[in-house]
Amino acid sequence: MADTPAATFEAKLARLEEIVRLLEGDAIPLQDSVTLFNEGRVLAQDCEAMLRTAQDAIEAAPPAEPASPASPRAAVAESANGSLFDDDALA
């Protein structure tokens, strides 16, 4: 795999999975296995760095404002006042 700056996490992970499958097989010579192993090690380090960067970005993001759901008491009070699903209004 050519080491391009545009290589995505998904592309690197897919190549790493392919390398693992190749190394688990018996069909490649020892020298090729060593070359693949080294490529896989670099890819694994790249993927780990990308994940760490993503995690840091997530942790640095400001917390989202939680939606303020109506309290159950308010819903019961509205229902008792006839403002929620007024049966007379439906008829």
N, C-alpha and C. Protein backbone atom coordinates (compact mmCIF):
# COMPACT_ATOMS: atom_id res chain seq x y z
N MET A 1 0.85 -1.18 0.00
CA MET A 1 0.00 0.00 0.00
C MET A 1 0.89 1.23 0.00
N ALA A 2 0.66 2.12 -0.91
CA ALA A 2 1.42 3.35 -0.97
C ALA A 2 1.04 4.22 0.21
N ASP A 3 2.04 4.81 0.85
CA ASP A 3 1.77 5.64 2.02
C ASP A 3 1.45 7.05 1.57
N THR A 4 0.16 7.30 1.33
CA THR A 4 -0.28 8.61 0.88
C THR A 4 -0.92 9.34 2.04
N PRO A 5 -0.79 10.66 2.10
CA PRO A 5 -1.41 11.40 3.20
C PRO A 5 -2.92 11.27 3.22
N ALA A 6 -3.50 10.98 2.06
CA ALA A 6 -4.96 10.91 1.96
C ALA A 6 -5.50 9.54 2.38
N ALA A 7 -4.63 8.60 2.72
CA ALA A 7 -5.11 7.27 3.10
C ALA A 7 -5.96 7.39 4.36
N THR A 8 -7.16 6.89 4.27
CA THR A 8 -8.09 6.99 5.38
C THR A 8 -7.85 5.88 6.39
N PHE A 9 -8.41 6.07 7.55
CA PHE A 9 -8.34 5.05 8.59
C PHE A 9 -8.91 3.74 8.06
N GLU A 10 -10.05 3.83 7.39
CA GLU A 10 -10.71 2.63 6.88
C GLU A 10 -9.85 1.90 5.85
N ALA A 11 -9.17 2.65 4.99
CA ALA A 11 -8.30 2.04 3.98
C ALA A 11 -7.11 1.36 4.64
N LYS A 12 -6.54 2.02 5.63
CA LYS A 12 -5.39 1.44 6.33
C LYS A 12 -5.81 0.19 7.10
N LEU A 13 -6.96 0.25 7.74
CA LEU A 13 -7.44 -0.91 8.48
C LEU A 13 -7.73 -2.08 7.54
N ALA A 14 -8.30 -1.79 6.38
CA ALA A 14 -8.59 -2.85 5.41
C ALA A 14 -7.29 -3.51 4.94
N ARG A 15 -6.27 -2.69 4.68
CA ARG A 15 -4.98 -3.25 4.26
C ARG A 15 -4.36 -4.06 5.39
N LEU A 16 -4.48 -3.59 6.61
CA LEU A 16 -3.96 -4.34 7.75
C LEU A 16 -4.66 -5.69 7.89
N GLU A 17 -5.96 -5.72 7.70
CA GLU A 17 -6.70 -6.99 7.75
C GLU A 17 -6.25 -7.93 6.64
N GLU A 18 -6.00 -7.36 5.46
CA GLU A 18 -5.51 -8.18 4.34
C GLU A 18 -4.14 -8.78 4.67
N ILE A 19 -3.27 -7.98 5.27
CA ILE A 19 -1.95 -8.47 5.65
C ILE A 19 -2.07 -9.61 6.65
N VAL A 20 -2.95 -9.46 7.62
CA VAL A 20 -3.15 -10.52 8.61
C VAL A 20 -3.59 -11.81 7.93
N ARG A 21 -4.53 -11.70 7.00
CA ARG A 21 -4.98 -12.91 6.27
C ARG A 21 -3.83 -13.56 5.51
N LEU A 22 -3.01 -12.75 4.87
CA LEU A 22 -1.87 -13.28 4.11
C LEU A 22 -0.87 -13.96 5.04
N LEU A 23 -0.58 -13.34 6.17
CA LEU A 23 0.39 -13.90 7.10
C LEU A 23 -0.13 -15.17 7.77
N GLU A 24 -1.42 -15.29 7.92
CA GLU A 24 -1.99 -16.50 8.51
C GLU A 24 -1.94 -17.69 7.56
N GLY A 25 -1.80 -17.41 6.27
CA GLY A 25 -1.73 -18.48 5.28
C GLY A 25 -0.32 -19.04 5.17
N ASP A 26 -0.17 -20.04 4.32
CA ASP A 26 1.13 -20.70 4.14
C ASP A 26 1.77 -20.37 2.80
N ALA A 27 1.13 -19.55 1.99
CA ALA A 27 1.52 -19.42 0.60
C ALA A 27 2.61 -18.39 0.31
N ILE A 28 3.11 -17.68 1.29
CA ILE A 28 4.09 -16.64 0.97
C ILE A 28 5.46 -16.97 1.56
N PRO A 29 6.51 -16.62 0.85
CA PRO A 29 7.87 -16.89 1.33
C PRO A 29 8.20 -16.07 2.57
N LEU A 30 9.22 -16.50 3.29
CA LEU A 30 9.61 -15.88 4.53
C LEU A 30 9.93 -14.39 4.35
N GLN A 31 10.72 -14.05 3.34
CA GLN A 31 11.08 -12.64 3.14
C GLN A 31 9.85 -11.78 2.89
N ASP A 32 8.90 -12.29 2.13
CA ASP A 32 7.66 -11.55 1.91
C ASP A 32 6.87 -11.40 3.21
N SER A 33 6.92 -12.43 4.04
CA SER A 33 6.24 -12.37 5.34
C SER A 33 6.84 -11.26 6.20
N VAL A 34 8.16 -11.14 6.20
CA VAL A 34 8.83 -10.11 6.97
C VAL A 34 8.44 -8.72 6.45
N THR A 35 8.42 -8.58 5.14
CA THR A 35 8.03 -7.30 4.53
C THR A 35 6.60 -6.94 4.89
N LEU A 36 5.70 -7.91 4.79
CA LEU A 36 4.30 -7.67 5.14
C LEU A 36 4.14 -7.35 6.63
N PHE A 37 4.89 -8.06 7.45
CA PHE A 37 4.82 -7.81 8.89
C PHE A 37 5.21 -6.37 9.20
N ASN A 38 6.30 -5.91 8.60
CA ASN A 38 6.75 -4.54 8.84
C ASN A 38 5.73 -3.52 8.34
N GLU A 39 5.14 -3.78 7.17
CA GLU A 39 4.09 -2.89 6.66
C GLU A 39 2.91 -2.87 7.62
N GLY A 40 2.53 -4.03 8.11
CA GLY A 40 1.41 -4.13 9.05
C GLY A 40 1.68 -3.40 10.35
N ARG A 41 2.92 -3.48 10.82
CA ARG A 41 3.28 -2.79 12.06
C ARG A 41 3.14 -1.28 11.89
N VAL A 42 3.59 -0.75 10.75
CA VAL A 42 3.46 0.69 10.47
C VAL A 42 1.99 1.07 10.36
N LEU A 43 1.21 0.26 9.66
CA LEU A 43 -0.23 0.54 9.53
C LEU A 43 -0.92 0.53 10.89
N ALA A 44 -0.57 -0.43 11.73
CA ALA A 44 -1.18 -0.50 13.06
C ALA A 44 -0.84 0.75 13.87
N GLN A 45 0.40 1.22 13.78
CA GLN A 45 0.80 2.44 14.48
C GLN A 45 0.04 3.65 13.94
N ASP A 46 -0.11 3.71 12.61
CA ASP A 46 -0.86 4.81 11.99
C ASP A 46 -2.32 4.81 12.45
N CYS A 47 -2.93 3.63 12.45
CA CYS A 47 -4.34 3.52 12.87
C CYS A 47 -4.49 3.91 14.34
N GLU A 48 -3.55 3.48 15.16
CA GLU A 48 -3.62 3.83 16.58
C GLU A 48 -3.50 5.34 16.77
N ALA A 49 -2.60 5.97 16.02
CA ALA A 49 -2.44 7.43 16.11
C ALA A 49 -3.70 8.15 15.64
N MET A 50 -4.32 7.64 14.57
CA MET A 50 -5.55 8.26 14.06
C MET A 50 -6.68 8.13 15.09
N LEU A 51 -6.77 6.97 15.73
CA LEU A 51 -7.79 6.77 16.75
C LEU A 51 -7.54 7.68 17.95
N ARG A 52 -6.30 7.81 18.35
CA ARG A 52 -5.96 8.67 19.47
C ARG A 52 -6.32 10.14 19.15
N THR A 53 -6.04 10.56 17.92
CA THR A 53 -6.38 11.92 17.50
C THR A 53 -7.89 12.14 17.53
N ALA A 54 -8.63 11.15 17.03
CA ALA A 54 -10.09 11.25 17.04
C ALA A 54 -10.62 11.30 18.47
N GLN A 55 -10.07 10.48 19.34
CA GLN A 55 -10.51 10.46 20.73
C GLN A 55 -10.20 11.80 21.40
N ASP A 56 -9.03 12.35 21.15
CA ASP A 56 -8.67 13.65 21.71
C ASP A 56 -9.63 14.73 21.24
N ALA A 57 -10.01 14.68 19.95
CA ALA A 57 -10.93 15.68 19.41
C ALA A 57 -12.31 15.55 20.07
N ILE A 58 -12.74 14.33 20.30
CA ILE A 58 -14.03 14.11 20.94
C ILE A 58 -14.00 14.61 22.38
N GLU A 59 -12.93 14.31 23.09
CA GLU A 59 -12.82 14.73 24.48
C GLU A 59 -12.68 16.25 24.60
N ALA A 60 -12.11 16.90 23.59
CA ALA A 60 -11.92 18.35 23.63
C ALA A 60 -13.17 19.11 23.21
N ALA A 61 -14.12 18.44 22.59
CA ALA A 61 -15.34 19.09 22.13
C ALA A 61 -16.16 19.54 23.33
N PRO A 62 -16.79 20.71 23.21
CA PRO A 62 -17.63 21.15 24.33
C PRO A 62 -18.83 20.22 24.48
N PRO A 63 -19.30 20.06 25.70
CA PRO A 63 -20.45 19.17 25.89
C PRO A 63 -21.69 19.72 25.19
N ALA A 64 -22.46 18.83 24.67
CA ALA A 64 -23.71 19.22 24.00
C ALA A 64 -24.73 19.63 25.06
N GLU A 65 -25.54 20.58 24.71
CA GLU A 65 -26.62 20.98 25.60
C GLU A 65 -27.69 19.88 25.58
N PRO A 66 -28.00 19.33 26.74
CA PRO A 66 -29.03 18.28 26.75
C PRO A 66 -30.40 18.88 26.45
N ALA A 67 -31.18 18.14 25.73
CA ALA A 67 -32.55 18.56 25.47
C ALA A 67 -33.29 18.50 26.79
N SER A 68 -34.10 19.49 27.05
CA SER A 68 -34.82 19.51 28.32
C SER A 68 -36.19 18.88 28.12
N PRO A 69 -36.28 17.60 28.45
CA PRO A 69 -37.58 16.94 28.31
C PRO A 69 -38.56 17.49 29.34
N ALA A 70 -39.81 17.48 28.98
CA ALA A 70 -40.84 17.94 29.91
C ALA A 70 -40.85 17.00 31.10
N SER A 71 -40.98 17.56 32.25
CA SER A 71 -40.99 16.72 33.44
C SER A 71 -42.28 15.90 33.46
N PRO A 72 -42.22 14.72 34.04
CA PRO A 72 -43.45 13.88 34.12
C PRO A 72 -44.56 14.59 34.88
N ARG A 73 -44.20 15.39 35.88
CA ARG A 73 -45.23 16.10 36.66
C ARG A 73 -45.96 17.11 35.78
N ALA A 74 -45.22 17.79 34.90
CA ALA A 74 -45.84 18.78 34.02
C ALA A 74 -46.81 18.09 33.07
N ALA A 75 -46.43 16.93 32.57
CA ALA A 75 -47.30 16.20 31.65
C ALA A 75 -48.57 15.76 32.35
N VAL A 76 -48.46 15.31 33.59
CA VAL A 76 -49.63 14.89 34.35
C VAL A 76 -50.53 16.09 34.62
N ALA A 77 -49.92 17.23 34.98
CA ALA A 77 -50.70 18.43 35.26
C ALA A 77 -51.43 18.90 34.01
N GLU A 78 -50.76 18.88 32.87
CA GLU A 78 -51.41 19.29 31.62
C GLU A 78 -52.55 18.36 31.29
N SER A 79 -52.34 17.06 31.50
CA SER A 79 -53.37 16.09 31.21
C SER A 79 -54.58 16.31 32.11
N ALA A 80 -54.34 16.61 33.37
CA ALA A 80 -55.44 16.85 34.31
C ALA A 80 -56.21 18.12 33.94
N ASN A 81 -55.52 19.08 33.34
CA ASN A 81 -56.17 20.32 32.94
C ASN A 81 -56.86 20.20 31.59
N GLY A 82 -56.72 19.07 30.96
CA GLY A 82 -57.37 18.86 29.68
C GLY A 82 -56.60 19.41 28.49
N SER A 83 -55.35 19.81 28.68
CA SER A 83 -54.61 20.38 27.56
C SER A 83 -53.89 19.33 26.73
N LEU A 84 -53.76 18.13 27.24
CA LEU A 84 -53.17 17.04 26.46
C LEU A 84 -54.25 16.05 26.09
N PHE A 85 -54.46 15.85 24.82
CA PHE A 85 -55.40 14.85 24.32
C PHE A 85 -56.77 14.97 24.98
N ASP A 86 -57.33 16.12 24.90
CA ASP A 86 -58.64 16.37 25.46
C ASP A 86 -59.65 15.50 24.73
N ASP A 87 -60.29 14.57 25.44
CA ASP A 87 -61.22 13.64 24.80
C ASP A 87 -62.40 14.35 24.17
N ASP A 88 -62.86 15.45 24.73
CA ASP A 88 -64.00 16.18 24.18
C ASP A 88 -63.62 16.83 22.85
N ALA A 89 -62.37 17.24 22.73
CA ALA A 89 -61.93 17.89 21.49
C ALA A 89 -61.82 16.89 20.36
N LEU A 90 -61.61 15.64 20.66
CA LEU A 90 -61.46 14.62 19.62
C LEU A 90 -62.81 14.15 19.08
N ALA A 91 -63.84 14.30 19.83
CA ALA A 91 -65.15 13.78 19.46
C ALA A 91 -65.82 14.64 18.42
